[in-house]
Amino acid sequence: MKKWKGSLLLAICLLAMASSMTVCAAGETILKGVSIDKLDVSGMTREEALAALESYEKNLGGQSIKLGIGDNVIEAKLSDLGVTFDNEDLVDEAIGVGHAGNIVKRYKDQKDLQHSGKTFPLSWQTNEDTVRTYVENNCTKYDKKAQNASLTRENGAFNFVAGTEGLELNVDSAVRTISDYLENSWTSDNTEVLNLEIQVTEPEGSAEELANIKDLLGSFTTSFSTSGSNRCKNVSSGASHINGTVLYPGEEFSAYETVSPFTEANGYAMAGSYLNGEVVDSMGGGICQVSTTLYNAVLRAELNVTERSPHSMTVHYVDLSEDAAIAGTYKDFKFVNSTEYPIYIEGYTTSDKKITFNIYGKETRDKNRTISFESQMVSETPATTILQEDAGQGIGYKAVSSKGSSGYVAELYKIVKVNGVETDRIKVNKSTYKGTNRVVTYGTAGDPTLSENLRAAIAAQDEALADANIAAAVPAQ
């Protein structure tokens, strides 16, 4: 009898529970006490919870994490790091609490909610490419290049300047650290600083090593005495940018990178330079005399030249094939310190408008060995005369607007002598220079017959015939 009464009581209780559960499920709302991360979704329908979660995730994307880069701390937004959320299933799970499963499970879930609630943690992931882009654009700016030990030269004496350490962010490690932290450790209330791996780079050079710089390895001087004030300024600025450079064994020097940018702020002015075979004003005009003078000092120091280009036309301050042009990034003068010791480059201009470069290092060459350089012209192409008319000038008018210049092919040779006897003749380079046209203009206004004859001579590009037509026309006027 007691057993029968107990079974009846249990059935009644279960029936009551079932009635209660059915009412809750029919409402299709999330039960009270359910949260997703810190978002309370109690009483929401599936659509309402999805909308609320989307807004919540958007706000989370605007939150930041703190990144420690050496002594610097920056804040990076989650949205800038490519953090994405994939939590639509969480809403379904939230709705299922107290609604899904058998009667016993539903009852247990509801009781648990009443006592302690239930929170579903958000899950998110990062995009590695986006993190890498952020790190490269925002974190590497704090990198500090090591400053190698160097020298200054005053009153003919060298003074040692100690180097400083460099700091460089390990990009690969930073990407891994940030991604792992966000995907596995970060919470919306986390304010800790995430320190990224920094690598220390040691400077090159010591006082003992730089003490080897004491011998003059190569020197060269050119004159810019015919230059105007702006060109003089450019030559002087270029020399000062290069002056004091220390190159360690194996290091490459770029003239363009060292003297640029060509701006007023960097000490330059507008002056004449070559462009497509013509002389035009440009910012920094005359800088090629700087690179040319240095080129010749480098040749005499017998360092390894890795890039050199001739001018499009000849220059007046050195012989053929002794020049070295720089223009934009497509023409540069580069060389490598191919010795076993550091070298020092001294560059300066003087009041009598001369520029000099001296290259110092440790002399290891045979004292009985000497070198010299010789320019040899391979061929010359005389200037072409171009005849043209000016219908606004009368017959008899003749003007030479451009005298023209020859084009050349030339070679530069290094001559090696030991004890005064030539032992080697080495071709250093072969250079081609364009010529410019000689332009002659004739007036053709006047007698129609004479004009027609003169135009025919111009069309034939026959200067002698054109001159004869002028000679015949002048007495008749």
Protein backbone atom coordinates (compact mmCIF):
# COMPACT_ATOMS: atom_id res chain seq x y z
CA MET A 1 0.00 0.00 0.00
CA LYS A 2 2.75 2.44 0.91
CA LYS A 3 4.65 1.56 -2.24
CA TRP A 4 1.57 2.28 -4.31
CA LYS A 5 1.02 5.64 -2.62
CA GLY A 6 4.68 6.62 -3.18
CA SER A 7 4.49 5.82 -6.89
CA LEU A 8 1.31 7.87 -7.20
CA LEU A 9 2.94 10.86 -5.48
CA LEU A 10 5.96 10.69 -7.80
CA ALA A 11 3.71 10.54 -10.86
CA ILE A 12 1.78 13.58 -9.68
CA CYS A 13 5.04 15.51 -9.14
CA LEU A 14 6.40 14.59 -12.54
CA LEU A 15 3.10 15.57 -14.16
CA ALA A 16 3.28 18.95 -12.46
CA MET A 17 6.85 19.41 -13.56
CA ALA A 18 5.97 18.45 -17.14
CA SER A 19 3.16 21.03 -17.19
CA SER A 20 5.53 23.70 -15.97
CA MET A 21 8.25 22.76 -18.51
CA THR A 22 5.77 22.82 -21.38
CA VAL A 23 4.77 26.38 -20.56
CA CYS A 24 8.42 27.52 -20.50
CA ALA A 25 9.31 25.81 -23.80
CA ALA A 26 6.32 27.24 -25.58
CA GLY A 27 7.56 30.77 -24.88
CA GLU A 28 10.82 30.19 -26.83
CA THR A 29 12.75 32.57 -24.55
CA ILE A 30 15.96 32.10 -22.68
CA LEU A 31 15.43 31.35 -19.04
CA LYS A 32 16.45 33.75 -16.30
CA GLY A 33 20.05 33.45 -15.13
CA VAL A 34 21.62 32.68 -18.53
CA SER A 35 24.48 34.89 -19.76
CA ILE A 36 26.90 34.83 -22.69
CA ASP A 37 30.19 36.20 -21.41
CA LYS A 38 28.99 39.32 -19.53
CA LEU A 39 25.83 39.72 -21.61
CA ASP A 40 22.64 38.79 -19.70
CA VAL A 41 20.32 37.21 -22.27
CA SER A 42 17.55 36.27 -19.82
CA GLY A 43 14.08 36.45 -21.32
CA MET A 44 15.31 37.02 -24.89
CA THR A 45 14.11 35.22 -27.97
CA ARG A 46 16.66 33.71 -30.34
CA GLU A 47 16.51 36.75 -32.64
CA GLU A 48 16.79 39.20 -29.74
CA ALA A 49 19.77 37.32 -28.31
CA LEU A 50 21.54 37.22 -31.68
CA ALA A 51 21.08 40.99 -32.12
CA ALA A 52 22.25 41.69 -28.57
CA LEU A 53 25.25 39.41 -29.03
CA GLU A 54 26.20 41.11 -32.30
CA SER A 55 26.16 44.51 -30.59
CA TYR A 56 28.11 43.11 -27.66
CA GLU A 57 30.76 41.61 -29.95
CA LYS A 58 31.06 44.92 -31.81
CA ASN A 59 31.75 46.68 -28.53
CA LEU A 60 34.32 44.03 -27.66
CA GLY A 61 36.03 44.69 -30.99
CA GLY A 62 36.55 48.28 -29.87
CA GLN A 63 38.34 47.15 -26.72
CA SER A 64 42.12 47.13 -26.65
CA ILE A 65 44.95 45.03 -25.38
CA LYS A 66 48.19 46.54 -24.14
CA LEU A 67 51.37 45.53 -25.93
CA GLY A 68 54.74 46.08 -24.31
CA ILE A 69 57.57 46.83 -26.77
CA GLY A 70 60.70 47.47 -24.78
CA ASP A 71 60.03 50.61 -22.76
CA ASN A 72 56.98 51.47 -24.87
CA VAL A 73 53.37 50.40 -24.32
CA ILE A 74 50.76 50.71 -27.07
CA GLU A 75 47.09 49.77 -27.18
CA ALA A 76 45.79 47.64 -30.05
CA LYS A 77 42.07 47.31 -30.76
CA LEU A 78 40.77 43.78 -31.17
CA SER A 79 39.16 44.80 -34.46
CA ASP A 80 42.56 45.95 -35.77
CA LEU A 81 43.98 42.53 -34.92
CA GLY A 82 41.35 40.72 -36.99
CA VAL A 83 39.52 39.21 -34.02
CA THR A 84 36.33 37.47 -35.20
CA PHE A 85 33.54 35.76 -33.27
CA ASP A 86 31.71 32.59 -34.29
CA ASN A 87 29.14 32.15 -31.54
CA GLU A 88 25.77 31.72 -33.17
CA ASP A 89 25.57 28.23 -31.64
CA LEU A 90 25.84 29.79 -28.18
CA VAL A 91 22.40 31.33 -28.55
CA ASP A 92 20.92 27.97 -29.38
CA GLU A 93 22.68 26.47 -26.37
CA ALA A 94 21.38 29.30 -24.18
CA ILE A 95 17.79 28.70 -25.33
CA GLY A 96 18.20 24.98 -24.66
CA VAL A 97 19.05 25.45 -20.99
CA GLY A 98 16.02 24.19 -19.04
CA HIS A 99 14.20 23.43 -22.29
CA ALA A 100 16.18 20.55 -23.74
CA GLY A 101 16.47 16.96 -22.54
CA ASN A 102 14.18 14.76 -20.50
CA ILE A 103 12.05 15.95 -17.64
CA VAL A 104 14.67 15.24 -15.01
CA LYS A 105 17.39 17.13 -16.90
CA ARG A 106 15.14 20.13 -17.48
CA TYR A 107 14.22 20.22 -13.80
CA LYS A 108 17.85 20.00 -12.76
CA ASP A 109 18.90 22.77 -15.21
CA GLN A 110 16.19 25.10 -13.94
CA LYS A 111 17.18 24.50 -10.34
CA ASP A 112 20.83 25.15 -11.19
CA LEU A 113 19.84 28.43 -12.85
CA GLN A 114 17.96 29.50 -9.77
CA HIS A 115 20.97 28.85 -7.55
CA SER A 116 24.00 29.89 -9.61
CA GLY A 117 22.93 30.83 -13.13
CA LYS A 118 24.85 29.72 -16.19
CA THR A 119 27.42 31.65 -18.27
CA PHE A 120 28.57 30.61 -21.73
CA PRO A 121 32.08 31.83 -22.49
CA LEU A 122 32.63 33.60 -25.82
CA SER A 123 35.10 32.04 -28.22
CA TRP A 124 37.00 34.01 -30.86
CA GLN A 125 39.90 33.65 -33.22
CA THR A 126 42.48 35.95 -34.78
CA ASN A 127 43.59 36.32 -38.37
CA GLU A 128 47.36 35.73 -38.49
CA ASP A 129 47.85 37.87 -41.60
CA THR A 130 45.99 40.78 -40.01
CA VAL A 131 48.01 40.46 -36.79
CA ARG A 132 51.25 40.40 -38.79
CA THR A 133 50.26 43.50 -40.75
CA TYR A 134 49.41 45.31 -37.51
CA VAL A 135 52.72 44.33 -35.92
CA GLU A 136 54.76 45.35 -38.96
CA ASN A 137 52.97 48.71 -39.30
CA ASN A 138 52.63 49.68 -35.65
CA CYS A 139 55.12 47.77 -33.54
CA THR A 140 58.31 47.68 -35.60
CA LYS A 141 58.38 51.50 -35.62
CA TYR A 142 59.99 51.24 -32.18
CA ASP A 143 62.94 49.31 -33.59
CA LYS A 144 66.20 51.12 -32.98
CA LYS A 145 69.11 50.40 -35.25
CA ALA A 146 72.42 49.78 -33.53
CA GLN A 147 74.82 52.66 -33.99
CA ASN A 148 78.24 51.28 -34.76
CA ALA A 149 81.29 52.79 -33.16
CA SER A 150 82.63 55.59 -35.32
CA LEU A 151 85.21 58.32 -35.58
CA THR A 152 85.34 62.07 -35.92
CA ARG A 153 88.29 63.84 -37.45
CA GLU A 154 89.40 67.19 -36.08
CA ASN A 155 92.62 69.03 -36.82
CA GLY A 156 94.03 65.96 -38.55
CA ALA A 157 93.37 63.64 -35.58
CA PHE A 158 90.79 60.87 -35.18
CA ASN A 159 88.53 60.72 -32.11
CA PHE A 160 86.68 57.55 -31.09
CA VAL A 161 82.88 57.61 -30.66
CA ALA A 162 81.40 54.56 -28.90
CA GLY A 163 78.49 52.70 -30.49
CA THR A 164 75.05 52.08 -28.99
CA GLU A 165 72.89 48.95 -28.82
CA GLY A 166 69.99 48.41 -31.17
CA LEU A 167 66.57 46.92 -30.43
CA GLU A 168 64.58 44.89 -32.94
CA LEU A 169 61.14 43.34 -32.51
CA ASN A 170 60.91 39.63 -33.34
CA VAL A 171 57.90 39.85 -35.68
CA ASP A 172 57.23 36.11 -35.91
CA SER A 173 57.34 35.71 -32.15
CA ALA A 174 55.10 38.77 -31.67
CA VAL A 175 52.45 37.38 -34.03
CA ARG A 176 52.43 34.05 -32.21
CA THR A 177 52.31 35.69 -28.77
CA ILE A 178 49.41 38.00 -29.63
CA SER A 179 47.36 35.29 -31.38
CA ASP A 180 47.85 32.77 -28.57
CA TYR A 181 46.99 35.34 -25.91
CA LEU A 182 43.78 36.45 -27.59
CA GLU A 183 42.56 32.95 -28.42
CA ASN A 184 43.42 31.32 -25.09
CA SER A 185 43.93 33.82 -22.28
CA TRP A 186 42.31 37.19 -22.89
CA THR A 187 39.11 38.21 -21.15
CA SER A 188 37.18 41.44 -21.51
CA ASP A 189 38.29 42.67 -18.09
CA ASN A 190 41.97 41.84 -18.59
CA THR A 191 44.24 44.90 -18.29
CA GLU A 192 47.68 43.27 -18.16
CA VAL A 193 50.49 44.33 -20.52
CA LEU A 194 51.47 41.66 -23.03
CA ASN A 195 55.23 41.97 -23.51
CA LEU A 196 56.57 41.16 -26.98
CA GLU A 197 59.99 39.64 -27.59
CA ILE A 198 62.73 42.17 -28.33
CA GLN A 199 66.15 41.23 -29.70
CA VAL A 200 69.16 43.30 -28.77
CA THR A 201 71.66 43.92 -31.55
CA GLU A 202 75.19 44.81 -30.57
CA PRO A 203 77.05 47.62 -32.36
CA GLU A 204 80.12 46.89 -34.42
CA GLY A 205 83.51 48.34 -33.71
CA SER A 206 85.79 49.01 -30.83
CA ALA A 207 88.41 51.62 -30.06
CA GLU A 208 91.07 49.02 -30.75
CA GLU A 209 89.58 48.08 -34.14
CA LEU A 210 89.09 51.67 -35.28
CA ALA A 211 92.64 52.52 -34.22
CA ASN A 212 93.69 50.77 -37.45
CA ILE A 213 92.34 53.74 -39.41
CA LYS A 214 95.39 55.91 -39.83
CA ASP A 215 96.66 55.58 -43.43
CA LEU A 216 95.47 57.51 -46.48
CA LEU A 217 94.37 54.87 -48.99
CA GLY A 218 92.99 57.08 -51.74
CA SER A 219 92.32 60.76 -52.43
CA PHE A 220 90.86 62.83 -55.26
CA THR A 221 89.95 66.47 -55.86
CA THR A 222 87.84 68.21 -58.52
CA SER A 223 87.08 71.88 -59.12
CA PHE A 224 83.66 73.52 -59.36
CA SER A 225 85.04 77.03 -59.86
CA THR A 226 82.64 77.84 -62.72
CA SER A 227 79.55 76.89 -60.68
CA GLY A 228 76.89 79.31 -59.52
CA SER A 229 75.94 79.75 -55.89
CA ASN A 230 73.18 77.11 -55.91
CA ARG A 231 75.37 74.46 -57.49
CA CYS A 232 78.14 75.29 -55.03
CA LYS A 233 75.66 74.80 -52.18
CA ASN A 234 74.65 71.38 -53.52
CA VAL A 235 78.24 70.18 -53.90
CA SER A 236 79.07 71.35 -50.38
CA SER A 237 75.93 69.72 -48.91
CA GLY A 238 76.64 66.43 -50.64
CA ALA A 239 80.20 66.34 -49.32
CA SER A 240 79.04 67.08 -45.77
CA HIS A 241 76.47 64.23 -45.86
CA ILE A 242 79.19 61.74 -46.78
CA ASN A 243 81.90 63.17 -44.52
CA GLY A 244 82.56 61.04 -41.44
CA THR A 245 81.21 57.78 -42.84
CA VAL A 246 82.79 54.68 -41.32
CA LEU A 247 82.47 51.44 -43.28
CA TYR A 248 83.29 48.11 -41.71
CA PRO A 249 84.68 45.19 -43.72
CA GLY A 250 82.08 43.90 -46.18
CA GLU A 251 79.70 46.86 -45.77
CA GLU A 252 78.35 48.53 -48.90
CA PHE A 253 78.07 52.28 -49.37
CA SER A 254 75.34 53.91 -51.50
CA ALA A 255 75.94 57.48 -52.59
CA TYR A 256 72.27 58.06 -53.36
CA GLU A 257 71.04 56.80 -49.98
CA THR A 258 73.67 58.86 -48.17
CA VAL A 259 73.13 62.23 -49.86
CA SER A 260 69.34 62.10 -50.40
CA PRO A 261 66.65 63.36 -50.05
CA PHE A 262 67.16 66.32 -52.35
CA THR A 263 65.19 68.93 -50.46
CA GLU A 264 65.80 72.41 -49.13
CA ALA A 265 65.58 71.03 -45.61
CA ASN A 266 68.46 68.68 -46.43
CA GLY A 267 70.63 71.52 -47.71
CA TYR A 268 69.92 71.55 -51.46
CA ALA A 269 68.83 74.14 -54.04
CA MET A 270 67.80 74.24 -57.69
CA ALA A 271 70.71 74.00 -60.14
CA GLY A 272 71.52 72.59 -63.58
CA SER A 273 71.67 68.84 -64.18
CA TYR A 274 71.35 66.41 -67.08
CA LEU A 275 67.90 65.04 -67.93
CA ASN A 276 67.29 63.06 -71.13
CA GLY A 277 70.30 64.61 -72.80
CA GLU A 278 69.42 68.17 -71.83
CA VAL A 279 70.51 70.53 -69.07
CA VAL A 280 67.60 71.42 -66.80
CA ASP A 281 67.27 72.89 -63.33
CA SER A 282 66.58 70.32 -60.64
CA MET A 283 66.80 70.14 -56.86
CA GLY A 284 70.33 69.06 -55.97
CA GLY A 285 71.81 69.75 -59.42
CA GLY A 286 75.58 69.19 -59.28
CA ILE A 287 75.42 66.28 -56.86
CA CYS A 288 77.02 64.05 -59.50
CA GLN A 289 80.29 65.93 -59.06
CA VAL A 290 80.22 64.71 -55.48
CA SER A 291 79.73 61.06 -56.46
CA THR A 292 82.30 61.42 -59.26
CA THR A 293 84.97 62.79 -56.93
CA LEU A 294 84.28 60.01 -54.44
CA TYR A 295 84.41 57.41 -57.24
CA ASN A 296 87.94 58.44 -58.14
CA ALA A 297 89.06 58.36 -54.50
CA VAL A 298 87.57 54.85 -54.20
CA LEU A 299 89.42 53.70 -57.32
CA ARG A 300 92.70 54.91 -55.83
CA ALA A 301 91.92 53.14 -52.55
CA GLU A 302 91.28 50.03 -54.70
CA LEU A 303 87.96 49.25 -53.07
CA ASN A 304 85.38 47.06 -54.83
CA VAL A 305 82.98 49.17 -56.93
CA THR A 306 79.60 47.40 -57.20
CA GLU A 307 77.61 49.98 -59.18
CA ARG A 308 78.62 52.90 -61.37
CA SER A 309 77.01 54.64 -64.35
CA PRO A 310 78.39 57.32 -66.70
CA HIS A 311 76.51 60.53 -67.38
CA SER A 312 74.37 60.70 -70.49
CA MET A 313 76.73 63.41 -71.79
CA THR A 314 80.30 64.36 -70.96
CA VAL A 315 81.19 66.43 -67.89
CA HIS A 316 83.95 69.00 -67.71
CA TYR A 317 85.45 68.26 -64.29
CA VAL A 318 86.98 64.83 -65.06
CA ASP A 319 88.23 62.95 -68.10
CA LEU A 320 86.06 60.54 -70.06
CA SER A 321 85.06 57.40 -68.09
CA GLU A 322 86.13 58.94 -64.78
CA ASP A 323 82.61 60.10 -63.88
CA ALA A 324 79.94 58.42 -61.75
CA ALA A 325 76.38 59.67 -62.07
CA ILE A 326 73.55 59.31 -59.58
CA ALA A 327 69.93 59.86 -60.57
CA GLY A 328 66.90 58.75 -58.59
CA THR A 329 67.15 55.09 -57.74
CA TYR A 330 68.09 53.95 -61.24
CA LYS A 331 71.61 55.38 -61.25
CA ASP A 332 73.68 55.04 -58.10
CA PHE A 333 77.31 54.83 -57.14
CA LYS A 334 78.00 51.97 -54.73
CA PHE A 335 81.10 50.30 -53.41
CA VAL A 336 82.08 47.80 -50.73
CA ASN A 337 84.79 48.05 -48.13
CA SER A 338 86.74 45.10 -49.50
CA THR A 339 89.61 45.48 -47.02
CA GLU A 340 89.97 43.58 -43.76
CA TYR A 341 89.79 46.76 -41.69
CA PRO A 342 87.34 49.63 -41.19
CA ILE A 343 87.68 52.68 -43.44
CA TYR A 344 86.81 56.32 -42.86
CA ILE A 345 85.61 58.73 -45.57
CA GLU A 346 86.50 62.38 -45.26
CA GLY A 347 84.79 64.83 -47.61
CA TYR A 348 85.00 68.60 -47.72
CA THR A 349 84.91 71.68 -49.97
CA THR A 350 87.19 74.70 -49.86
CA SER A 351 86.75 78.43 -50.41
CA ASP A 352 88.42 78.20 -53.82
CA LYS A 353 85.60 75.88 -54.94
CA LYS A 354 87.27 72.49 -54.81
CA ILE A 355 85.85 69.26 -53.42
CA THR A 356 88.07 66.53 -51.96
CA PHE A 357 87.46 63.03 -50.70
CA ASN A 358 90.06 61.17 -48.64
CA ILE A 359 89.66 57.50 -47.71
CA TYR A 360 91.56 56.36 -44.62
CA GLY A 361 92.17 52.83 -43.41
CA LYS A 362 95.06 50.46 -42.83
CA GLU A 363 97.55 50.27 -45.68
CA THR A 364 98.41 46.69 -46.56
CA ARG A 365 99.58 47.17 -50.16
CA ASP A 366 103.18 46.74 -51.27
CA LYS A 367 105.14 49.97 -50.91
CA ASN A 368 106.92 49.29 -54.18
CA ARG A 369 103.60 49.03 -56.04
CA THR A 370 101.91 52.11 -57.53
CA ILE A 371 98.72 52.64 -59.49
CA SER A 372 97.54 55.32 -61.91
CA PHE A 373 94.56 55.75 -64.21
CA GLU A 374 94.36 56.56 -67.88
CA SER A 375 91.33 57.55 -69.97
CA GLN A 376 91.31 56.35 -73.58
CA MET A 377 88.86 57.49 -76.23
CA VAL A 378 87.62 54.57 -78.33
CA SER A 379 85.55 56.56 -80.81
CA GLU A 380 84.05 60.02 -81.45
CA THR A 381 80.81 60.85 -83.22
CA PRO A 382 80.78 64.51 -84.31
CA ALA A 383 77.70 66.60 -83.61
CA THR A 384 74.96 66.50 -86.25
CA THR A 385 73.83 69.83 -87.71
CA ILE A 386 70.07 70.37 -87.81
CA LEU A 387 68.70 73.14 -90.07
CA GLN A 388 65.33 74.71 -89.27
CA GLU A 389 63.33 77.71 -90.47
CA ASP A 390 61.80 80.68 -88.72
CA ALA A 391 59.05 82.17 -90.91
CA GLY A 392 58.98 85.23 -88.67
CA GLN A 393 62.52 86.25 -89.64
CA GLY A 394 63.49 87.67 -93.00
CA ILE A 395 65.74 86.00 -95.54
CA GLY A 396 69.33 86.64 -94.50
CA TYR A 397 68.75 85.78 -90.84
CA LYS A 398 70.92 82.92 -89.56
CA ALA A 399 71.40 81.95 -85.92
CA VAL A 400 73.23 79.02 -84.28
CA SER A 401 71.20 78.30 -81.15
CA SER A 402 73.24 75.26 -80.11
CA LYS A 403 76.85 74.60 -80.98
CA GLY A 404 76.40 70.88 -80.38
CA SER A 405 78.84 68.40 -78.93
CA SER A 406 80.39 65.14 -80.03
CA GLY A 407 79.39 61.76 -78.69
CA TYR A 408 82.11 59.47 -77.34
CA VAL A 409 82.90 55.93 -76.37
CA ALA A 410 85.75 55.77 -73.88
CA GLU A 411 87.51 53.32 -71.57
CA LEU A 412 89.30 53.80 -68.26
CA TYR A 413 92.37 51.72 -67.41
CA LYS A 414 94.17 51.12 -64.14
CA ILE A 415 97.93 50.88 -64.65
CA VAL A 416 99.88 48.94 -62.05
CA LYS A 417 103.64 49.39 -61.66
CA VAL A 418 106.06 47.60 -59.37
CA ASN A 419 109.40 49.30 -58.82
CA GLY A 420 108.46 51.67 -61.64
CA VAL A 421 107.85 48.88 -64.17
CA GLU A 422 104.35 48.37 -65.57
CA THR A 423 103.07 44.92 -64.61
CA ASP A 424 99.38 45.19 -65.39
CA ARG A 425 96.87 47.29 -67.34
CA ILE A 426 93.29 46.62 -66.22
CA LYS A 427 90.18 47.99 -67.92
CA VAL A 428 88.02 49.60 -65.22
CA ASN A 429 84.99 50.55 -67.31
CA LYS A 430 83.68 51.38 -70.76
CA SER A 431 81.44 54.42 -71.08
CA THR A 432 79.22 55.81 -73.82
CA TYR A 433 78.25 59.48 -73.99
CA LYS A 434 75.61 60.97 -76.24
CA GLY A 435 76.36 63.97 -78.41
CA THR A 436 74.07 66.97 -78.88
CA ASN A 437 72.91 68.46 -82.16
CA ARG A 438 74.17 71.74 -83.65
CA VAL A 439 71.00 73.69 -84.44
CA VAL A 440 70.97 76.42 -87.16
CA THR A 441 67.91 78.58 -87.79
CA TYR A 442 67.26 80.48 -91.03
CA GLY A 443 64.70 83.23 -91.63
CA THR A 444 62.46 82.50 -94.61
CA ALA A 445 60.18 85.57 -94.79
CA GLY A 446 60.49 87.57 -98.05
CA ASP A 447 60.61 86.91 -101.77
CA PRO A 448 58.51 83.77 -102.48
CA THR A 449 60.99 82.30 -104.95
CA LEU A 450 63.96 82.85 -102.68
CA SER A 451 61.99 81.56 -99.72
CA GLU A 452 61.07 78.41 -101.65
CA ASN A 453 64.71 77.81 -102.58
CA LEU A 454 65.84 78.34 -99.00
CA ARG A 455 63.18 75.98 -97.66
CA ALA A 456 64.36 73.36 -100.16
CA ALA A 457 67.93 73.69 -98.85
CA ILE A 458 66.62 73.37 -95.24
CA ALA A 459 64.57 70.32 -96.19
CA ALA A 460 67.71 68.78 -97.69
CA GLN A 461 69.65 69.73 -94.54
CA ASP A 462 72.28 71.29 -96.80
CA GLU A 463 73.92 74.14 -94.89
CA ALA A 464 76.21 75.13 -97.78
CA LEU A 465 73.24 75.44 -100.15
CA ALA A 466 71.25 77.36 -97.55
CA ASP A 467 74.16 79.80 -97.06
CA ALA A 468 74.44 80.19 -100.86
CA ASN A 469 70.72 81.08 -101.04
CA ILE A 470 71.22 83.71 -98.34
CA ALA A 471 74.22 85.13 -100.17
CA ALA A 472 72.17 85.35 -103.36
CA ALA A 473 69.22 86.90 -101.57
CA VAL A 474 70.94 89.64 -99.59
CA PRO A 475 72.12 91.78 -102.58
CA ALA A 476 68.63 91.55 -104.09
CA GLN A 477 66.97 93.07 -101.00
